[in-house]
Structure formats: structure tokens, C-alpha cells
Amino acid sequence: MNVDSKLCIGCGACASVCPVNAIEVADTYVRADKNCTNCGICTKSCPVGAVTVERKL
């Protein structure tokens, strides 16, 4: 999971939909921990398009 810090508003929408609870909201940004599976669910919930994932092949 990658977060564009210039776009992220820290709303936590991505964290609320994470199926493995791997996203933490801290101050005005979010970050994923080592449990992130890059499933991409969080990207659809971001209202400003700040979250992207790179699929591992």
C-alpha cells in the first residue's frame, strides 16, 4: 500500500475497510504495517484517491 501524503486527508476510510486491520491512522496520514496483503480494498474507499497498491505477481 502506498499513500500520497499530499493527497491524504487522514480520514481513516481505508483503515475502516481493511480486512486484516493493517492500516494505522496517525495524525494526518495513514500507513500500513507488515500485515498488509496489498489486496486493494482500501483504494476503493479513499475519497481523494491517495491510496494505491502494487500487486505482487
PDB file of N, CA and C in Angstrom:
ATOM      1  N   MET A   1       0.836  -1.171   0.000  1.00  0.00           N
ATOM      2  CA  MET A   1       0.000   0.000   0.000  1.00  0.00           C
ATOM      3  C   MET A   1       0.879   1.231   0.000  1.00  0.00           C
ATOM      4  N   ASN A   2       0.561   2.159  -0.862  1.00  0.00           N
ATOM      5  CA  ASN A   2       1.273   3.433  -0.922  1.00  0.00           C
ATOM      6  C   ASN A   2       0.265   4.545  -0.692  1.00  0.00           C
ATOM      7  N   VAL A   3       0.685   5.555   0.063  1.00  0.00           N
ATOM      8  CA  VAL A   3      -0.185   6.685   0.344  1.00  0.00           C
ATOM      9  C   VAL A   3       0.492   7.958  -0.129  1.00  0.00           C
ATOM     10  N   ASP A   4      -0.199   8.722  -0.964  1.00  0.00           N
ATOM     11  CA  ASP A   4       0.296  10.019  -1.417  1.00  0.00           C
ATOM     12  C   ASP A   4       0.009  11.020  -0.294  1.00  0.00           C
ATOM     13  N   SER A   5       1.044  11.404   0.427  1.00  0.00           N
ATOM     14  CA  SER A   5       0.869  12.276   1.595  1.00  0.00           C
ATOM     15  C   SER A   5       0.354  13.666   1.219  1.00  0.00           C
ATOM     16  N   LYS A   6       0.505  14.044  -0.028  1.00  0.00           N
ATOM     17  CA  LYS A   6      -0.014  15.346  -0.467  1.00  0.00           C
ATOM     18  C   LYS A   6      -1.529  15.299  -0.662  1.00  0.00           C
ATOM     19  N   LEU A   7      -2.063  14.116  -0.936  1.00  0.00           N
ATOM     20  CA  LEU A   7      -3.496  13.962  -1.147  1.00  0.00           C
ATOM     21  C   LEU A   7      -4.236  13.478   0.095  1.00  0.00           C
ATOM     22  N   CYS A   8      -3.586  12.660   0.901  1.00  0.00           N
ATOM     23  CA  CYS A   8      -4.237  12.024   2.053  1.00  0.00           C
ATOM     24  C   CYS A   8      -4.750  13.071   3.035  1.00  0.00           C
ATOM     25  N   ILE A   9      -6.014  12.900   3.437  1.00  0.00           N
ATOM     26  CA  ILE A   9      -6.621  13.819   4.399  1.00  0.00           C
ATOM     27  C   ILE A   9      -6.748  13.180   5.783  1.00  0.00           C
ATOM     28  N   GLY A  10      -6.247  11.959   5.943  1.00  0.00           N
ATOM     29  CA  GLY A  10      -6.250  11.281   7.232  1.00  0.00           C
ATOM     30  C   GLY A  10      -7.623  10.914   7.750  1.00  0.00           C
ATOM     31  N   CYS A  11      -8.565  10.662   6.855  1.00  0.00           N
ATOM     32  CA  CYS A  11      -9.951  10.400   7.267  1.00  0.00           C
ATOM     33  C   CYS A  11     -10.145   9.011   7.866  1.00  0.00           C
ATOM     34  N   GLY A  12      -9.275   8.063   7.517  1.00  0.00           N
ATOM     35  CA  GLY A  12      -9.376   6.717   8.061  1.00  0.00           C
ATOM     36  C   GLY A  12     -10.315   5.790   7.324  1.00  0.00           C
ATOM     37  N   ALA A  13     -10.856   6.235   6.204  1.00  0.00           N
ATOM     38  CA  ALA A  13     -11.772   5.375   5.435  1.00  0.00           C
ATOM     39  C   ALA A  13     -11.080   4.079   5.026  1.00  0.00           C
ATOM     40  N   CYS A  14      -9.841   4.156   4.637  1.00  0.00           N
ATOM     41  CA  CYS A  14      -9.097   2.967   4.223  1.00  0.00           C
ATOM     42  C   CYS A  14      -8.913   1.995   5.393  1.00  0.00           C
ATOM     43  N   ALA A  15      -8.625   2.539   6.563  1.00  0.00           N
ATOM     44  CA  ALA A  15      -8.429   1.705   7.748  1.00  0.00           C
ATOM     45  C   ALA A  15      -9.709   0.988   8.134  1.00  0.00           C
ATOM     46  N   SER A  16     -10.831   1.631   7.932  1.00  0.00           N
ATOM     47  CA  SER A  16     -12.101   1.039   8.341  1.00  0.00           C
ATOM     48  C   SER A  16     -12.520  -0.151   7.480  1.00  0.00           C
ATOM     49  N   VAL A  17     -11.972  -0.270   6.269  1.00  0.00           N
ATOM     50  CA  VAL A  17     -12.339  -1.382   5.394  1.00  0.00           C
ATOM     51  C   VAL A  17     -11.254  -2.449   5.277  1.00  0.00           C
ATOM     52  N   CYS A  18     -10.122  -2.245   5.902  1.00  0.00           N
ATOM     53  CA  CYS A  18      -9.013  -3.202   5.797  1.00  0.00           C
ATOM     54  C   CYS A  18      -9.382  -4.529   6.464  1.00  0.00           C
ATOM     55  N   PRO A  19      -9.386  -5.628   5.703  1.00  0.00           N
ATOM     56  CA  PRO A  19      -9.805  -6.915   6.259  1.00  0.00           C
ATOM     57  C   PRO A  19      -8.808  -7.524   7.249  1.00  0.00           C
ATOM     58  N   VAL A  20      -7.566  -7.041   7.257  1.00  0.00           N
ATOM     59  CA  VAL A  20      -6.569  -7.577   8.189  1.00  0.00           C
ATOM     60  C   VAL A  20      -6.110  -6.529   9.211  1.00  0.00           C
ATOM     61  N   ASN A  21      -6.829  -5.417   9.288  1.00  0.00           N
ATOM     62  CA  ASN A  21      -6.513  -4.337  10.241  1.00  0.00           C
ATOM     63  C   ASN A  21      -5.046  -3.916  10.190  1.00  0.00           C
ATOM     64  N   ALA A  22      -4.539  -3.742   8.976  1.00  0.00           N
ATOM     65  CA  ALA A  22      -3.128  -3.415   8.793  1.00  0.00           C
ATOM     66  C   ALA A  22      -2.860  -1.926   8.606  1.00  0.00           C
ATOM     67  N   ILE A  23      -3.913  -1.103   8.634  1.00  0.00           N
ATOM     68  CA  ILE A  23      -3.743   0.319   8.376  1.00  0.00           C
ATOM     69  C   ILE A  23      -3.930   1.120   9.650  1.00  0.00           C
ATOM     70  N   GLU A  24      -2.959   1.994   9.909  1.00  0.00           N
ATOM     71  CA  GLU A  24      -2.995   2.841  11.099  1.00  0.00           C
ATOM     72  C   GLU A  24      -3.140   4.298  10.686  1.00  0.00           C
ATOM     73  N   VAL A  25      -4.005   5.012  11.370  1.00  0.00           N
ATOM     74  CA  VAL A  25      -4.166   6.443  11.145  1.00  0.00           C
ATOM     75  C   VAL A  25      -3.355   7.156  12.210  1.00  0.00           C
ATOM     76  N   ALA A  26      -2.410   7.985  11.777  1.00  0.00           N
ATOM     77  CA  ALA A  26      -1.557   8.725  12.706  1.00  0.00           C
ATOM     78  C   ALA A  26      -1.517  10.185  12.286  1.00  0.00           C
ATOM     79  N   ASP A  27      -2.038  11.044  13.141  1.00  0.00           N
ATOM     80  CA  ASP A  27      -2.111  12.477  12.849  1.00  0.00           C
ATOM     81  C   ASP A  27      -2.894  12.713  11.560  1.00  0.00           C
ATOM     82  N   THR A  28      -2.216  13.166  10.523  1.00  0.00           N
ATOM     83  CA  THR A  28      -2.911  13.478   9.269  1.00  0.00           C
ATOM     84  C   THR A  28      -2.500  12.564   8.121  1.00  0.00           C
ATOM     85  N   TYR A  29      -2.038  11.372   8.443  1.00  0.00           N
ATOM     86  CA  TYR A  29      -1.668  10.436   7.380  1.00  0.00           C
ATOM     87  C   TYR A  29      -1.952   9.014   7.840  1.00  0.00           C
ATOM     88  N   VAL A  30      -1.914   8.094   6.907  1.00  0.00           N
ATOM     89  CA  VAL A  30      -2.115   6.682   7.217  1.00  0.00           C
ATOM     90  C   VAL A  30      -0.909   5.890   6.737  1.00  0.00           C
ATOM     91  N   ARG A  31      -0.734   4.721   7.333  1.00  0.00           N
ATOM     92  CA  ARG A  31       0.345   3.841   6.891  1.00  0.00           C
ATOM     93  C   ARG A  31      -0.069   2.402   7.140  1.00  0.00           C
ATOM     94  N   ALA A  32       0.499   1.507   6.366  1.00  0.00           N
ATOM     95  CA  ALA A  32       0.204   0.086   6.506  1.00  0.00           C
ATOM     96  C   ALA A  32       1.361  -0.602   7.214  1.00  0.00           C
ATOM     97  N   ASP A  33       1.026  -1.600   8.023  1.00  0.00           N
ATOM     98  CA  ASP A  33       2.073  -2.362   8.685  1.00  0.00           C
ATOM     99  C   ASP A  33       2.418  -3.606   7.874  1.00  0.00           C
ATOM    100  N   LYS A  34       3.240  -4.463   8.429  1.00  0.00           N
ATOM    101  CA  LYS A  34       3.731  -5.644   7.710  1.00  0.00           C
ATOM    102  C   LYS A  34       2.638  -6.653   7.372  1.00  0.00           C
ATOM    103  N   ASN A  35       1.466  -6.523   7.990  1.00  0.00           N
ATOM    104  CA  ASN A  35       0.372  -7.449   7.720  1.00  0.00           C
ATOM    105  C   ASN A  35      -0.411  -7.109   6.460  1.00  0.00           C
ATOM    106  N   CYS A  36      -0.117  -5.990   5.834  1.00  0.00           N
ATOM    107  CA  CYS A  36      -0.814  -5.579   4.612  1.00  0.00           C
ATOM    108  C   CYS A  36      -0.595  -6.628   3.522  1.00  0.00           C
ATOM    109  N   THR A  37      -1.691  -7.052   2.900  1.00  0.00           N
ATOM    110  CA  THR A  37      -1.619  -8.065   1.847  1.00  0.00           C
ATOM    111  C   THR A  37      -1.713  -7.467   0.450  1.00  0.00           C
ATOM    112  N   ASN A  38      -1.796  -6.141   0.359  1.00  0.00           N
ATOM    113  CA  ASN A  38      -1.946  -5.448  -0.922  1.00  0.00           C
ATOM    114  C   ASN A  38      -3.185  -5.916  -1.681  1.00  0.00           C
ATOM    115  N   CYS A  39      -4.263  -6.169  -0.945  1.00  0.00           N
ATOM    116  CA  CYS A  39      -5.497  -6.659  -1.575  1.00  0.00           C
ATOM    117  C   CYS A  39      -6.184  -5.580  -2.414  1.00  0.00           C
ATOM    118  N   GLY A  40      -5.981  -4.305  -2.075  1.00  0.00           N
ATOM    119  CA  GLY A  40      -6.546  -3.214  -2.859  1.00  0.00           C
ATOM    120  C   GLY A  40      -7.901  -2.714  -2.411  1.00  0.00           C
ATOM    121  N   ILE A  41      -8.484  -3.324  -1.402  1.00  0.00           N
ATOM    122  CA  ILE A  41      -9.796  -2.884  -0.930  1.00  0.00           C
ATOM    123  C   ILE A  41      -9.749  -1.432  -0.474  1.00  0.00           C
ATOM    124  N   CYS A  42      -8.683  -1.041   0.151  1.00  0.00           N
ATOM    125  CA  CYS A  42      -8.546   0.323   0.676  1.00  0.00           C
ATOM    126  C   CYS A  42      -8.554   1.378  -0.424  1.00  0.00           C
ATOM    127  N   THR A  43      -8.084   1.037  -1.594  1.00  0.00           N
ATOM    128  CA  THR A  43      -8.021   2.021  -2.676  1.00  0.00           C
ATOM    129  C   THR A  43      -9.406   2.493  -3.095  1.00  0.00           C
ATOM    130  N   LYS A  44     -10.373   1.605  -3.025  1.00  0.00           N
ATOM    131  CA  LYS A  44     -11.745   1.942  -3.429  1.00  0.00           C
ATOM    132  C   LYS A  44     -12.447   2.828  -2.411  1.00  0.00           C
ATOM    133  N   SER A  45     -11.990   2.795  -1.160  1.00  0.00           N
ATOM    134  CA  SER A  45     -12.658   3.566  -0.106  1.00  0.00           C
ATOM    135  C   SER A  45     -12.092   4.975   0.042  1.00  0.00           C
ATOM    136  N   CYS A  46     -10.941   5.243  -0.515  1.00  0.00           N
ATOM    137  CA  CYS A  46     -10.308   6.556  -0.353  1.00  0.00           C
ATOM    138  C   CYS A  46     -11.058   7.624  -1.158  1.00  0.00           C
ATOM    139  N   PRO A  47     -11.607   8.632  -0.464  1.00  0.00           N
ATOM    140  CA  PRO A  47     -12.392   9.648  -1.167  1.00  0.00           C
ATOM    141  C   PRO A  47     -11.569  10.607  -2.022  1.00  0.00           C
ATOM    142  N   VAL A  48     -10.250  10.627  -1.816  1.00  0.00           N
ATOM    143  CA  VAL A  48      -9.409  11.558  -2.578  1.00  0.00           C
ATOM    144  C   VAL A  48      -8.402  10.847  -3.481  1.00  0.00           C
ATOM    145  N   GLY A  49      -8.456   9.524  -3.544  1.00  0.00           N
ATOM    146  CA  GLY A  49      -7.567   8.775  -4.424  1.00  0.00           C
ATOM    147  C   GLY A  49      -6.112   8.771  -3.990  1.00  0.00           C
ATOM    148  N   ALA A  50      -5.866   8.858  -2.693  1.00  0.00           N
ATOM    149  CA  ALA A  50      -4.495   8.934  -2.190  1.00  0.00           C
ATOM    150  C   ALA A  50      -3.838   7.575  -2.011  1.00  0.00           C
ATOM    151  N   VAL A  51      -4.633   6.506  -2.021  1.00  0.00           N
ATOM    152  CA  VAL A  51      -4.106   5.171  -1.736  1.00  0.00           C
ATOM    153  C   VAL A  51      -3.988   4.349  -3.013  1.00  0.00           C
ATOM    154  N   THR A  52      -2.827   3.743  -3.198  1.00  0.00           N
ATOM    155  CA  THR A  52      -2.591   2.830  -4.317  1.00  0.00           C
ATOM    156  C   THR A  52      -1.895   1.586  -3.778  1.00  0.00           C
ATOM    157  N   VAL A  53      -1.984   0.522  -4.512  1.00  0.00           N
ATOM    158  CA  VAL A  53      -1.266  -0.700  -4.151  1.00  0.00           C
ATOM    159  C   VAL A  53      -0.545  -1.238  -5.365  1.00  0.00           C
ATOM    160  N   GLU A  54       0.546  -1.925  -5.095  1.00  0.00           N
ATOM    161  CA  GLU A  54       1.284  -2.609  -6.151  1.00  0.00           C
ATOM    162  C   GLU A  54       1.044  -4.083  -5.962  1.00  0.00           C
ATOM    163  N   ARG A  55       0.452  -4.699  -6.931  1.00  0.00           N
ATOM    164  CA  ARG A  55       0.175  -6.125  -6.855  1.00  0.00           C
ATOM    165  C   ARG A  55       1.476  -6.910  -7.010  1.00  0.00           C
ATOM    166  N   LYS A  56       1.652  -7.886  -6.153  1.00  0.00           N
ATOM    167  CA  LYS A  56       2.812  -8.769  -6.255  1.00  0.00           C
ATOM    168  C   LYS A  56       2.429  -9.955  -7.129  1.00  0.00           C
ATOM    169  N   LEU A  57       3.235 -10.208  -8.124  1.00  0.00           N
ATOM    170  CA  LEU A  57       2.934 -11.319  -9.044  1.00  0.00           C
ATOM    171  C   LEU A  57       3.585 -12.586  -8.588  1.00  0.00           C
TER     172      LEU A  57
END
